[in-house]
Amino acid sequence: MTDEAKKILILSDNQKLARALELNLKGRWCVVKTHLISSLEQSPAKAADYHLIVIALSLPSSEPVVALARASLGKHLGQIPFLIISDRPFRSAPGENIRHLNFPFSLEALHTKIQEIL
């Protein structure tokens, strides 16, 4: 499967960050949806439709674990790769398939991390 056929879901706590990620990834991968995390509380994302879920957190009050819970994505841990972009580093358990990228980040670091995952 080519990179262009790999579907990415972007979730963020900030619409501008979500849009910037979408624009920067679209030329290389297939970004199918971009959502604010708060909007998913009413209608959870259908995570099984994606090859990667990017959760981008820019607000100092945002917690990665809380974002996963709000987006109702916990049940997909270990099944779908996650990339969490946050200023709060963390370690995931083996087999959970969760990677971390520090915020702020460079586009080169973002592309490298996604390429490693996919």
PDB file of N, CA and C in Angstrom:
ATOM      1  N   MET A   1       0.853  -1.185   0.000  1.00  0.00           N
ATOM      2  CA  MET A   1       0.000   0.000   0.000  1.00  0.00           C
ATOM      3  C   MET A   1       0.896   1.245   0.000  1.00  0.00           C
ATOM      4  N   THR A   2       0.619   2.174  -0.874  1.00  0.00           N
ATOM      5  CA  THR A   2       1.408   3.386  -0.960  1.00  0.00           C
ATOM      6  C   THR A   2       1.074   4.331   0.185  1.00  0.00           C
ATOM      7  N   ASP A   3       1.978   5.285   0.434  1.00  0.00           N
ATOM      8  CA  ASP A   3       1.732   6.288   1.475  1.00  0.00           C
ATOM      9  C   ASP A   3       0.450   7.056   1.210  1.00  0.00           C
ATOM     10  N   GLU A   4       0.177   7.353  -0.070  1.00  0.00           N
ATOM     11  CA  GLU A   4      -1.007   8.136  -0.418  1.00  0.00           C
ATOM     12  C   GLU A   4      -2.305   7.406  -0.057  1.00  0.00           C
ATOM     13  N   ALA A   5      -2.251   6.090   0.031  1.00  0.00           N
ATOM     14  CA  ALA A   5      -3.442   5.309   0.339  1.00  0.00           C
ATOM     15  C   ALA A   5      -3.640   5.116   1.843  1.00  0.00           C
ATOM     16  N   LYS A   6      -2.663   5.497   2.638  1.00  0.00           N
ATOM     17  CA  LYS A   6      -2.765   5.351   4.089  1.00  0.00           C
ATOM     18  C   LYS A   6      -3.625   6.478   4.644  1.00  0.00           C
ATOM     19  N   LYS A   7      -4.682   6.102   5.353  1.00  0.00           N
ATOM     20  CA  LYS A   7      -5.630   7.092   5.870  1.00  0.00           C
ATOM     21  C   LYS A   7      -5.256   7.522   7.282  1.00  0.00           C
ATOM     22  N   ILE A   8      -5.249   8.843   7.503  1.00  0.00           N
ATOM     23  CA  ILE A   8      -4.890   9.420   8.790  1.00  0.00           C
ATOM     24  C   ILE A   8      -6.057  10.236   9.329  1.00  0.00           C
ATOM     25  N   LEU A   9      -6.365  10.029  10.595  1.00  0.00           N
ATOM     26  CA  LEU A   9      -7.353  10.827  11.306  1.00  0.00           C
ATOM     27  C   LEU A   9      -6.595  11.774  12.222  1.00  0.00           C
ATOM     28  N   ILE A  10      -6.895  13.067  12.135  1.00  0.00           N
ATOM     29  CA  ILE A  10      -6.255  14.067  12.988  1.00  0.00           C
ATOM     30  C   ILE A  10      -7.280  14.587  13.979  1.00  0.00           C
ATOM     31  N   LEU A  11      -6.935  14.521  15.256  1.00  0.00           N
ATOM     32  CA  LEU A  11      -7.757  15.067  16.326  1.00  0.00           C
ATOM     33  C   LEU A  11      -6.901  16.087  17.076  1.00  0.00           C
ATOM     34  N   SER A  12      -7.491  17.215  17.418  1.00  0.00           N
ATOM     35  CA  SER A  12      -6.718  18.250  18.091  1.00  0.00           C
ATOM     36  C   SER A  12      -7.591  19.035  19.054  1.00  0.00           C
ATOM     37  N   ASP A  13      -6.924  19.728  19.970  1.00  0.00           N
ATOM     38  CA  ASP A  13      -7.619  20.635  20.878  1.00  0.00           C
ATOM     39  C   ASP A  13      -7.627  22.059  20.325  1.00  0.00           C
ATOM     40  N   ASN A  14      -7.079  22.221  19.108  1.00  0.00           N
ATOM     41  CA  ASN A  14      -6.949  23.541  18.511  1.00  0.00           C
ATOM     42  C   ASN A  14      -7.211  23.444  17.006  1.00  0.00           C
ATOM     43  N   GLN A  15      -8.198  24.169  16.520  1.00  0.00           N
ATOM     44  CA  GLN A  15      -8.575  24.094  15.107  1.00  0.00           C
ATOM     45  C   GLN A  15      -7.435  24.520  14.177  1.00  0.00           C
ATOM     46  N   LYS A  16      -6.683  25.541  14.547  1.00  0.00           N
ATOM     47  CA  LYS A  16      -5.581  26.000  13.687  1.00  0.00           C
ATOM     48  C   LYS A  16      -4.483  24.950  13.586  1.00  0.00           C
ATOM     49  N   LEU A  17      -4.170  24.309  14.706  1.00  0.00           N
ATOM     50  CA  LEU A  17      -3.167  23.248  14.681  1.00  0.00           C
ATOM     51  C   LEU A  17      -3.654  22.083  13.826  1.00  0.00           C
ATOM     52  N   ALA A  18      -4.901  21.709  13.995  1.00  0.00           N
ATOM     53  CA  ALA A  18      -5.475  20.616  13.197  1.00  0.00           C
ATOM     54  C   ALA A  18      -5.389  20.927  11.702  1.00  0.00           C
ATOM     55  N   ARG A  19      -5.732  22.138  11.339  1.00  0.00           N
ATOM     56  CA  ARG A  19      -5.704  22.547   9.923  1.00  0.00           C
ATOM     57  C   ARG A  19      -4.274  22.568   9.385  1.00  0.00           C
ATOM     58  N   ALA A  20      -3.330  23.060  10.194  1.00  0.00           N
ATOM     59  CA  ALA A  20      -1.926  23.094   9.767  1.00  0.00           C
ATOM     60  C   ALA A  20      -1.396  21.677   9.543  1.00  0.00           C
ATOM     61  N   LEU A  21      -1.740  20.761  10.433  1.00  0.00           N
ATOM     62  CA  LEU A  21      -1.326  19.367  10.256  1.00  0.00           C
ATOM     63  C   LEU A  21      -1.938  18.776   8.991  1.00  0.00           C
ATOM     64  N   GLU A  22      -3.212  19.028   8.806  1.00  0.00           N
ATOM     65  CA  GLU A  22      -3.902  18.523   7.616  1.00  0.00           C
ATOM     66  C   GLU A  22      -3.221  19.003   6.341  1.00  0.00           C
ATOM     67  N   LEU A  23      -2.945  20.283   6.257  1.00  0.00           N
ATOM     68  CA  LEU A  23      -2.327  20.840   5.056  1.00  0.00           C
ATOM     69  C   LEU A  23      -0.927  20.288   4.825  1.00  0.00           C
ATOM     70  N   ASN A  24      -0.182  20.050   5.907  1.00  0.00           N
ATOM     71  CA  ASN A  24       1.178  19.558   5.770  1.00  0.00           C
ATOM     72  C   ASN A  24       1.266  18.068   5.479  1.00  0.00           C
ATOM     73  N   LEU A  25       0.245  17.336   5.813  1.00  0.00           N
ATOM     74  CA  LEU A  25       0.282  15.890   5.584  1.00  0.00           C
ATOM     75  C   LEU A  25      -0.424  15.462   4.308  1.00  0.00           C
ATOM     76  N   LYS A  26      -1.352  16.285   3.815  1.00  0.00           N
ATOM     77  CA  LYS A  26      -2.187  15.891   2.670  1.00  0.00           C
ATOM     78  C   LYS A  26      -1.407  15.539   1.414  1.00  0.00           C
ATOM     79  N   GLY A  27      -0.329  16.185   1.141  1.00  0.00           N
ATOM     80  CA  GLY A  27       0.418  15.896  -0.072  1.00  0.00           C
ATOM     81  C   GLY A  27       1.109  14.548  -0.050  1.00  0.00           C
ATOM     82  N   ARG A  28       1.329  14.014   1.136  1.00  0.00           N
ATOM     83  CA  ARG A  28       2.093  12.780   1.266  1.00  0.00           C
ATOM     84  C   ARG A  28       1.245  11.585   1.702  1.00  0.00           C
ATOM     85  N   TRP A  29       0.238  11.851   2.516  1.00  0.00           N
ATOM     86  CA  TRP A  29      -0.659  10.804   3.012  1.00  0.00           C
ATOM     87  C   TRP A  29      -2.092  11.252   2.786  1.00  0.00           C
ATOM     88  N   CYS A  30      -3.002  10.338   2.948  1.00  0.00           N
ATOM     89  CA  CYS A  30      -4.419  10.632   2.764  1.00  0.00           C
ATOM     90  C   CYS A  30      -5.031  11.012   4.117  1.00  0.00           C
ATOM     91  N   VAL A  31      -5.185  12.303   4.353  1.00  0.00           N
ATOM     92  CA  VAL A  31      -5.814  12.767   5.578  1.00  0.00           C
ATOM     93  C   VAL A  31      -7.309  12.800   5.309  1.00  0.00           C
ATOM     94  N   VAL A  32      -8.015  11.916   5.961  1.00  0.00           N
ATOM     95  CA  VAL A  32      -9.430  11.754   5.675  1.00  0.00           C
ATOM     96  C   VAL A  32     -10.291  12.685   6.512  1.00  0.00           C
ATOM     97  N   LYS A  33     -10.000  12.822   7.769  1.00  0.00           N
ATOM     98  CA  LYS A  33     -10.823  13.635   8.659  1.00  0.00           C
ATOM     99  C   LYS A  33      -9.946  14.432   9.610  1.00  0.00           C
ATOM    100  N   THR A  34     -10.453  15.591   9.984  1.00  0.00           N
ATOM    101  CA  THR A  34      -9.841  16.407  11.015  1.00  0.00           C
ATOM    102  C   THR A  34     -10.959  16.860  11.931  1.00  0.00           C
ATOM    103  N   HIS A  35     -10.783  16.627  13.224  1.00  0.00           N
ATOM    104  CA  HIS A  35     -11.811  16.983  14.196  1.00  0.00           C
ATOM    105  C   HIS A  35     -11.196  17.663  15.408  1.00  0.00           C
ATOM    106  N   LEU A  36     -11.995  18.485  16.062  1.00  0.00           N
ATOM    107  CA  LEU A  36     -11.636  18.952  17.391  1.00  0.00           C
ATOM    108  C   LEU A  36     -12.032  17.848  18.364  1.00  0.00           C
ATOM    109  N   ILE A  37     -11.211  17.597  19.340  1.00  0.00           N
ATOM    110  CA  ILE A  37     -11.490  16.538  20.299  1.00  0.00           C
ATOM    111  C   ILE A  37     -12.831  16.763  20.982  1.00  0.00           C
ATOM    112  N   SER A  38     -13.133  18.004  21.316  1.00  0.00           N
ATOM    113  CA  SER A  38     -14.386  18.289  22.018  1.00  0.00           C
ATOM    114  C   SER A  38     -15.615  17.916  21.191  1.00  0.00           C
ATOM    115  N   SER A  39     -15.512  17.954  19.872  1.00  0.00           N
ATOM    116  CA  SER A  39     -16.667  17.616  19.025  1.00  0.00           C
ATOM    117  C   SER A  39     -16.917  16.113  18.967  1.00  0.00           C
ATOM    118  N   LEU A  40     -15.957  15.310  19.373  1.00  0.00           N
ATOM    119  CA  LEU A  40     -16.099  13.865  19.306  1.00  0.00           C
ATOM    120  C   LEU A  40     -16.860  13.288  20.487  1.00  0.00           C
ATOM    121  N   GLU A  41     -17.062  14.098  21.530  1.00  0.00           N
ATOM    122  CA  GLU A  41     -17.765  13.588  22.702  1.00  0.00           C
ATOM    123  C   GLU A  41     -19.189  13.172  22.344  1.00  0.00           C
ATOM    124  N   GLN A  42     -19.801  13.844  21.365  1.00  0.00           N
ATOM    125  CA  GLN A  42     -21.160  13.491  20.959  1.00  0.00           C
ATOM    126  C   GLN A  42     -21.161  12.377  19.907  1.00  0.00           C
ATOM    127  N   SER A  43     -20.187  12.362  19.034  1.00  0.00           N
ATOM    128  CA  SER A  43     -20.143  11.332  17.993  1.00  0.00           C
ATOM    129  C   SER A  43     -18.707  10.830  17.843  1.00  0.00           C
ATOM    130  N   PRO A  44     -18.372   9.720  18.489  1.00  0.00           N
ATOM    131  CA  PRO A  44     -17.011   9.200  18.444  1.00  0.00           C
ATOM    132  C   PRO A  44     -16.540   8.898  17.016  1.00  0.00           C
ATOM    133  N   ALA A  45     -15.237   9.015  16.815  1.00  0.00           N
ATOM    134  CA  ALA A  45     -14.653   8.716  15.504  1.00  0.00           C
ATOM    135  C   ALA A  45     -14.707   7.216  15.244  1.00  0.00           C
ATOM    136  N   LYS A  46     -14.855   6.848  13.990  1.00  0.00           N
ATOM    137  CA  LYS A  46     -14.813   5.439  13.597  1.00  0.00           C
ATOM    138  C   LYS A  46     -13.360   5.086  13.305  1.00  0.00           C
ATOM    139  N   ALA A  47     -12.624   4.842  14.363  1.00  0.00           N
ATOM    140  CA  ALA A  47     -11.181   4.672  14.292  1.00  0.00           C
ATOM    141  C   ALA A  47     -10.748   3.512  13.410  1.00  0.00           C
ATOM    142  N   ALA A  48     -11.544   2.482  13.306  1.00  0.00           N
ATOM    143  CA  ALA A  48     -11.165   1.309  12.525  1.00  0.00           C
ATOM    144  C   ALA A  48     -10.972   1.622  11.041  1.00  0.00           C
ATOM    145  N   ASP A  49     -11.444   2.766  10.588  1.00  0.00           N
ATOM    146  CA  ASP A  49     -11.318   3.156   9.184  1.00  0.00           C
ATOM    147  C   ASP A  49      -9.954   3.762   8.849  1.00  0.00           C
ATOM    148  N   TYR A  50      -9.057   3.903   9.837  1.00  0.00           N
ATOM    149  CA  TYR A  50      -7.806   4.633   9.640  1.00  0.00           C
ATOM    150  C   TYR A  50      -6.583   3.762   9.895  1.00  0.00           C
ATOM    151  N   HIS A  51      -5.460   4.170   9.283  1.00  0.00           N
ATOM    152  CA  HIS A  51      -4.182   3.497   9.477  1.00  0.00           C
ATOM    153  C   HIS A  51      -3.372   4.152  10.584  1.00  0.00           C
ATOM    154  N   LEU A  52      -3.711   5.395  10.911  1.00  0.00           N
ATOM    155  CA  LEU A  52      -3.004   6.141  11.959  1.00  0.00           C
ATOM    156  C   LEU A  52      -3.944   7.194  12.516  1.00  0.00           C
ATOM    157  N   ILE A  53      -3.894   7.390  13.830  1.00  0.00           N
ATOM    158  CA  ILE A  53      -4.639   8.469  14.469  1.00  0.00           C
ATOM    159  C   ILE A  53      -3.627   9.394  15.119  1.00  0.00           C
ATOM    160  N   VAL A  54      -3.672  10.665  14.730  1.00  0.00           N
ATOM    161  CA  VAL A  54      -2.802  11.685  15.298  1.00  0.00           C
ATOM    162  C   VAL A  54      -3.634  12.511  16.269  1.00  0.00           C
ATOM    163  N   ILE A  55      -3.181  12.582  17.505  1.00  0.00           N
ATOM    164  CA  ILE A  55      -3.827  13.421  18.505  1.00  0.00           C
ATOM    165  C   ILE A  55      -2.845  14.536  18.830  1.00  0.00           C
ATOM    166  N   ALA A  56      -3.188  15.759  18.420  1.00  0.00           N
ATOM    167  CA  ALA A  56      -2.302  16.911  18.571  1.00  0.00           C
ATOM    168  C   ALA A  56      -2.844  17.837  19.657  1.00  0.00           C
ATOM    169  N   LEU A  57      -2.056  17.977  20.721  1.00  0.00           N
ATOM    170  CA  LEU A  57      -2.471  18.781  21.866  1.00  0.00           C
ATOM    171  C   LEU A  57      -1.521  19.967  22.017  1.00  0.00           C
ATOM    172  N   SER A  58      -2.087  21.175  21.989  1.00  0.00           N
ATOM    173  CA  SER A  58      -1.258  22.369  22.082  1.00  0.00           C
ATOM    174  C   SER A  58      -1.521  23.189  23.342  1.00  0.00           C
ATOM    175  N   LEU A  59      -2.651  22.965  23.980  1.00  0.00           N
ATOM    176  CA  LEU A  59      -3.008  23.742  25.160  1.00  0.00           C
ATOM    177  C   LEU A  59      -2.322  23.177  26.396  1.00  0.00           C
ATOM    178  N   PRO A  60      -1.797  24.045  27.267  1.00  0.00           N
ATOM    179  CA  PRO A  60      -1.105  23.561  28.467  1.00  0.00           C
ATOM    180  C   PRO A  60      -1.986  22.692  29.365  1.00  0.00           C
ATOM    181  N   SER A  61      -3.273  22.877  29.305  1.00  0.00           N
ATOM    182  CA  SER A  61      -4.184  22.106  30.158  1.00  0.00           C
ATOM    183  C   SER A  61      -4.564  20.755  29.560  1.00  0.00           C
ATOM    184  N   SER A  62      -4.136  20.459  28.338  1.00  0.00           N
ATOM    185  CA  SER A  62      -4.518  19.214  27.668  1.00  0.00           C
ATOM    186  C   SER A  62      -3.670  18.045  28.154  1.00  0.00           C
ATOM    187  N   GLU A  63      -4.338  16.962  28.501  1.00  0.00           N
ATOM    188  CA  GLU A  63      -3.690  15.724  28.946  1.00  0.00           C
ATOM    189  C   GLU A  63      -3.928  14.644  27.888  1.00  0.00           C
ATOM    190  N   PRO A  64      -2.885  13.945  27.434  1.00  0.00           N
ATOM    191  CA  PRO A  64      -3.067  12.900  26.425  1.00  0.00           C
ATOM    192  C   PRO A  64      -4.073  11.821  26.822  1.00  0.00           C
ATOM    193  N   VAL A  65      -4.030  11.346  28.045  1.00  0.00           N
ATOM    194  CA  VAL A  65      -4.941  10.279  28.470  1.00  0.00           C
ATOM    195  C   VAL A  65      -6.386  10.766  28.458  1.00  0.00           C
ATOM    196  N   VAL A  66      -6.604  11.997  28.890  1.00  0.00           N
ATOM    197  CA  VAL A  66      -7.951  12.577  28.893  1.00  0.00           C
ATOM    198  C   VAL A  66      -8.448  12.737  27.455  1.00  0.00           C
ATOM    199  N   ALA A  67      -7.573  13.155  26.551  1.00  0.00           N
ATOM    200  CA  ALA A  67      -7.959  13.310  25.146  1.00  0.00           C
ATOM    201  C   ALA A  67      -8.389  11.974  24.546  1.00  0.00           C
ATOM    202  N   LEU A  68      -7.665  10.906  24.858  1.00  0.00           N
ATOM    203  CA  LEU A  68      -8.046   9.575  24.364  1.00  0.00           C
ATOM    204  C   LEU A  68      -9.417   9.173  24.892  1.00  0.00           C
ATOM    205  N   ALA A  69      -9.655   9.445  26.161  1.00  0.00           N
ATOM    206  CA  ALA A  69     -10.943   9.091  26.765  1.00  0.00           C
ATOM    207  C   ALA A  69     -12.080   9.906  26.152  1.00  0.00           C
ATOM    208  N   ARG A  70     -11.877  11.206  25.986  1.00  0.00           N
ATOM    209  CA  ARG A  70     -12.919  12.069  25.406  1.00  0.00           C
ATOM    210  C   ARG A  70     -13.273  11.653  23.988  1.00  0.00           C
ATOM    211  N   ALA A  71     -12.292  11.213  23.259  1.00  0.00           N
ATOM    212  CA  ALA A  71     -12.528  10.811  21.868  1.00  0.00           C
ATOM    213  C   ALA A  71     -13.018   9.359  21.775  1.00  0.00           C
ATOM    214  N   SER A  72     -13.203   8.713  22.914  1.00  0.00           N
ATOM    215  CA  SER A  72     -13.667   7.314  22.965  1.00  0.00           C
ATOM    216  C   SER A  72     -12.785   6.397  22.125  1.00  0.00           C
ATOM    217  N   LEU A  73     -11.466   6.546  22.263  1.00  0.00           N
ATOM    218  CA  LEU A  73     -10.534   5.772  21.455  1.00  0.00           C
ATOM    219  C   LEU A  73      -9.786   4.701  22.233  1.00  0.00           C
ATOM    220  N   GLY A  74      -9.988   4.631  23.530  1.00  0.00           N
ATOM    221  CA  GLY A  74      -9.266   3.679  24.362  1.00  0.00           C
ATOM    222  C   GLY A  74      -9.389   2.240  23.888  1.00  0.00           C
ATOM    223  N   LYS A  75     -10.539   1.873  23.362  1.00  0.00           N
ATOM    224  CA  LYS A  75     -10.749   0.490  22.922  1.00  0.00           C
ATOM    225  C   LYS A  75      -9.919   0.127  21.687  1.00  0.00           C
ATOM    226  N   HIS A  76      -9.351   1.139  21.025  1.00  0.00           N
ATOM    227  CA  HIS A  76      -8.556   0.891  19.820  1.00  0.00           C
ATOM    228  C   HIS A  76      -7.057   0.809  20.105  1.00  0.00           C
ATOM    229  N   LEU A  77      -6.658   0.988  21.372  1.00  0.00           N
ATOM    230  CA  LEU A  77      -5.241   0.896  21.715  1.00  0.00           C
ATOM    231  C   LEU A  77      -4.732  -0.496  21.383  1.00  0.00           C
ATOM    232  N   GLY A  78      -3.584  -0.547  20.723  1.00  0.00           N
ATOM    233  CA  GLY A  78      -3.008  -1.819  20.328  1.00  0.00           C
ATOM    234  C   GLY A  78      -3.496  -2.321  18.984  1.00  0.00           C
ATOM    235  N   GLN A  79      -4.582  -1.747  18.474  1.00  0.00           N
ATOM    236  CA  GLN A  79      -5.122  -2.169  17.180  1.00  0.00           C
ATOM    237  C   GLN A  79      -4.729  -1.211  16.065  1.00  0.00           C
ATOM    238  N   ILE A  80      -4.732   0.074  16.381  1.00  0.00           N
ATOM    239  CA  ILE A  80      -4.410   1.128  15.414  1.00  0.00           C
ATOM    240  C   ILE A  80      -3.271   1.949  15.994  1.00  0.00           C
ATOM    241  N   PRO A  81      -2.264   2.305  15.199  1.00  0.00           N
ATOM    242  CA  PRO A  81      -1.190   3.150  15.721  1.00  0.00           C
ATOM    243  C   PRO A  81      -1.698   4.559  16.059  1.00  0.00           C
ATOM    244  N   PHE A  82      -1.190   5.092  17.156  1.00  0.00           N
ATOM    245  CA  PHE A  82      -1.491   6.446  17.583  1.00  0.00           C
ATOM    246  C   PHE A  82      -0.199   7.248  17.627  1.00  0.00           C
ATOM    247  N   LEU A  83      -0.281   8.506  17.216  1.00  0.00           N
ATOM    248  CA  LEU A  83       0.806   9.459  17.419  1.00  0.00           C
ATOM    249  C   LEU A  83       0.222  10.591  18.246  1.00  0.00           C
ATOM    250  N   ILE A  84       0.770  10.792  19.425  1.00  0.00           N
ATOM    251  CA  ILE A  84       0.300  11.870  20.289  1.00  0.00           C
ATOM    252  C   ILE A  84       1.347  12.966  20.285  1.00  0.00           C
ATOM    253  N   ILE A  85       0.908  14.147  19.876  1.00  0.00           N
ATOM    254  CA  ILE A  85       1.767  15.330  19.857  1.00  0.00           C
ATOM    255  C   ILE A  85       1.386  16.149  21.079  1.00  0.00           C
ATOM    256  N   SER A  86       2.351  16.325  21.986  1.00  0.00           N
ATOM    257  CA  SER A  86       2.054  16.992  23.245  1.00  0.00           C
ATOM    258  C   SER A  86       3.340  17.489  23.885  1.00  0.00           C
ATOM    259  N   ASP A  87       3.201  18.507  24.736  1.00  0.00           N
ATOM    260  CA  ASP A  87       4.365  18.969  25.488  1.00  0.00           C
ATOM    261  C   ASP A  87       4.564  18.129  26.750  1.00  0.00           C
ATOM    262  N   ARG A  88       3.722  17.134  26.955  1.00  0.00           N
ATOM    263  CA  ARG A  88       3.802  16.231  28.108  1.00  0.00           C
ATOM    264  C   ARG A  88       4.232  14.845  27.640  1.00  0.00           C
ATOM    265  N   PRO A  89       5.536  14.555  27.751  1.00  0.00           N
ATOM    266  CA  PRO A  89       5.998  13.240  27.298  1.00  0.00           C
ATOM    267  C   PRO A  89       5.441  12.124  28.180  1.00  0.00           C
ATOM    268  N   PHE A  90       5.340  10.965  27.612  1.00  0.00           N
ATOM    269  CA  PHE A  90       4.839   9.805  28.345  1.00  0.00           C
ATOM    270  C   PHE A  90       5.388   8.544  27.692  1.00  0.00           C
ATOM    271  N   ARG A  91       5.255   7.453  28.390  1.00  0.00           N
ATOM    272  CA  ARG A  91       5.669   6.157  27.845  1.00  0.00           C
ATOM    273  C   ARG A  91       4.434   5.281  27.740  1.00  0.00           C
ATOM    274  N   SER A  92       4.323   4.604  26.641  1.00  0.00           N
ATOM    275  CA  SER A  92       3.196   3.674  26.495  1.00  0.00           C
ATOM    276  C   SER A  92       3.685   2.265  26.813  1.00  0.00           C
ATOM    277  N   ALA A  93       2.756   1.429  27.165  1.00  0.00           N
ATOM    278  CA  ALA A  93       3.076   0.031  27.446  1.00  0.00           C
ATOM    279  C   ALA A  93       3.379  -0.690  26.138  1.00  0.00           C
ATOM    280  N   PRO A  94       4.230  -1.703  26.188  1.00  0.00           N
ATOM    281  CA  PRO A  94       4.507  -2.477  24.969  1.00  0.00           C
ATOM    282  C   PRO A  94       3.210  -3.032  24.386  1.00  0.00           C
ATOM    283  N   GLY A  95       3.102  -2.991  23.084  1.00  0.00           N
ATOM    284  CA  GLY A  95       1.926  -3.518  22.411  1.00  0.00           C
ATOM    285  C   GLY A  95       0.808  -2.514  22.213  1.00  0.00           C
ATOM    286  N   GLU A  96       0.891  -1.352  22.853  1.00  0.00           N
ATOM    287  CA  GLU A  96      -0.159  -0.344  22.685  1.00  0.00           C
ATOM    288  C   GLU A  96      -0.016   0.428  21.391  1.00  0.00           C
ATOM    289  N   ASN A  97       1.208   0.433  20.816  1.00  0.00           N
ATOM    290  CA  ASN A  97       1.454   1.092  19.538  1.00  0.00           C
ATOM    291  C   ASN A  97       1.144   2.587  19.587  1.00  0.00           C
ATOM    292  N   ILE A  98       1.618   3.238  20.648  1.00  0.00           N
ATOM    293  CA  ILE A  98       1.450   4.682  20.795  1.00  0.00           C
ATOM    294  C   ILE A  98       2.831   5.316  20.755  1.00  0.00           C
ATOM    295  N   ARG A  99       2.982   6.310  19.911  1.00  0.00           N
ATOM    296  CA  ARG A  99       4.238   7.056  19.803  1.00  0.00           C
ATOM    297  C   ARG A  99       3.995   8.494  20.248  1.00  0.00           C
ATOM    298  N   HIS A 100       5.066   9.173  20.602  1.00  0.00           N
ATOM    299  CA  HIS A 100       4.973  10.548  21.081  1.00  0.00           C
ATOM    300  C   HIS A 100       5.893  11.449  20.270  1.00  0.00           C
ATOM    301  N   LEU A 101       5.428  12.677  20.027  1.00  0.00           N
ATOM    302  CA  LEU A 101       6.226  13.726  19.393  1.00  0.00           C
ATOM    303  C   LEU A 101       6.052  14.975  20.242  1.00  0.00           C
ATOM    304  N   ASN A 102       7.180  15.563  20.631  1.00  0.00           N
ATOM    305  CA  ASN A 102       7.111  16.766  21.469  1.00  0.00           C
ATOM    306  C   ASN A 102       6.492  17.936  20.727  1.00  0.00           C
ATOM    307  N   PHE A 103       5.692  18.725  21.442  1.00  0.00           N
ATOM    308  CA  PHE A 103       5.130  19.969  20.917  1.00  0.00           C
ATOM    309  C   PHE A 103       5.868  21.108  21.582  1.00  0.00           C
ATOM    310  N   PRO A 104       6.342  22.105  20.864  1.00  0.00           N
ATOM    311  CA  PRO A 104       6.279  22.288  19.410  1.00  0.00           C
ATOM    312  C   PRO A 104       7.225  21.316  18.697  1.00  0.00           C
ATOM    313  N   PHE A 105       7.007  21.151  17.397  1.00  0.00           N
ATOM    314  CA  PHE A 105       7.744  20.186  16.611  1.00  0.00           C
ATOM    315  C   PHE A 105       8.090  20.791  15.257  1.00  0.00           C
ATOM    316  N   SER A 106       9.038  20.165  14.584  1.00  0.00           N
ATOM    317  CA  SER A 106       9.367  20.588  13.218  1.00  0.00           C
ATOM    318  C   SER A 106       8.601  19.690  12.248  1.00  0.00           C
ATOM    319  N   LEU A 107       8.366  20.195  11.052  1.00  0.00           N
ATOM    320  CA  LEU A 107       7.677  19.382  10.043  1.00  0.00           C
ATOM    321  C   LEU A 107       8.505  18.160   9.667  1.00  0.00           C
ATOM    322  N   GLU A 108       9.813  18.307   9.667  1.00  0.00           N
ATOM    323  CA  GLU A 108      10.690  17.173   9.364  1.00  0.00           C
ATOM    324  C   GLU A 108      10.518  16.072  10.419  1.00  0.00           C
ATOM    325  N   ALA A 109      10.466  16.466  11.692  1.00  0.00           N
ATOM    326  CA  ALA A 109      10.272  15.484  12.764  1.00  0.00           C
ATOM    327  C   ALA A 109       8.910  14.808  12.643  1.00  0.00           C
ATOM    328  N   LEU A 110       7.881  15.573  12.293  1.00  0.00           N
ATOM    329  CA  LEU A 110       6.536  15.022  12.115  1.00  0.00           C
ATOM    330  C   LEU A 110       6.521  13.999  10.989  1.00  0.00           C
ATOM    331  N   HIS A 111       7.064  14.348   9.843  1.00  0.00           N
ATOM    332  CA  HIS A 111       7.072  13.442   8.691  1.00  0.00           C
ATOM    333  C   HIS A 111       7.880  12.182   8.991  1.00  0.00           C
ATOM    334  N   THR A 112       9.013  12.351   9.666  1.00  0.00           N
ATOM    335  CA  THR A 112       9.860  11.198  10.011  1.00  0.00           C
ATOM    336  C   THR A 112       9.107  10.256  10.940  1.00  0.00           C
ATOM    337  N   LYS A 113       8.460  10.802  11.948  1.00  0.00           N
ATOM    338  CA  LYS A 113       7.739   9.978  12.921  1.00  0.00           C
ATOM    339  C   LYS A 113       6.590   9.222  12.244  1.00  0.00           C
ATOM    340  N   ILE A 114       5.845   9.905  11.383  1.00  0.00           N
ATOM    341  CA  ILE A 114       4.732   9.230  10.689  1.00  0.00           C
ATOM    342  C   ILE A 114       5.254   8.154   9.755  1.00  0.00           C
ATOM    343  N   GLN A 115       6.338   8.429   9.061  1.00  0.00           N
ATOM    344  CA  GLN A 115       6.918   7.432   8.162  1.00  0.00           C
ATOM    345  C   GLN A 115       7.362   6.211   8.954  1.00  0.00           C
ATOM    346  N   GLU A 116       7.946   6.399  10.137  1.00  0.00           N
ATOM    347  CA  GLU A 116       8.347   5.279  10.996  1.00  0.00           C
ATOM    348  C   GLU A 116       7.134   4.434  11.391  1.00  0.00           C
ATOM    349  N   ILE A 117       6.044   5.091  11.704  1.00  0.00           N
ATOM    350  CA  ILE A 117       4.844   4.390  12.169  1.00  0.00           C
ATOM    351  C   ILE A 117       4.178   3.619  11.044  1.00  0.00           C
ATOM    352  N   LEU A 118       4.046   4.267   9.889  1.00  0.00           N
ATOM    353  CA  LEU A 118       3.345   3.640   8.769  1.00  0.00           C
ATOM    354  C   LEU A 118       4.257   2.736   7.971  1.00  0.00           C
TER     355      LEU A 118
END
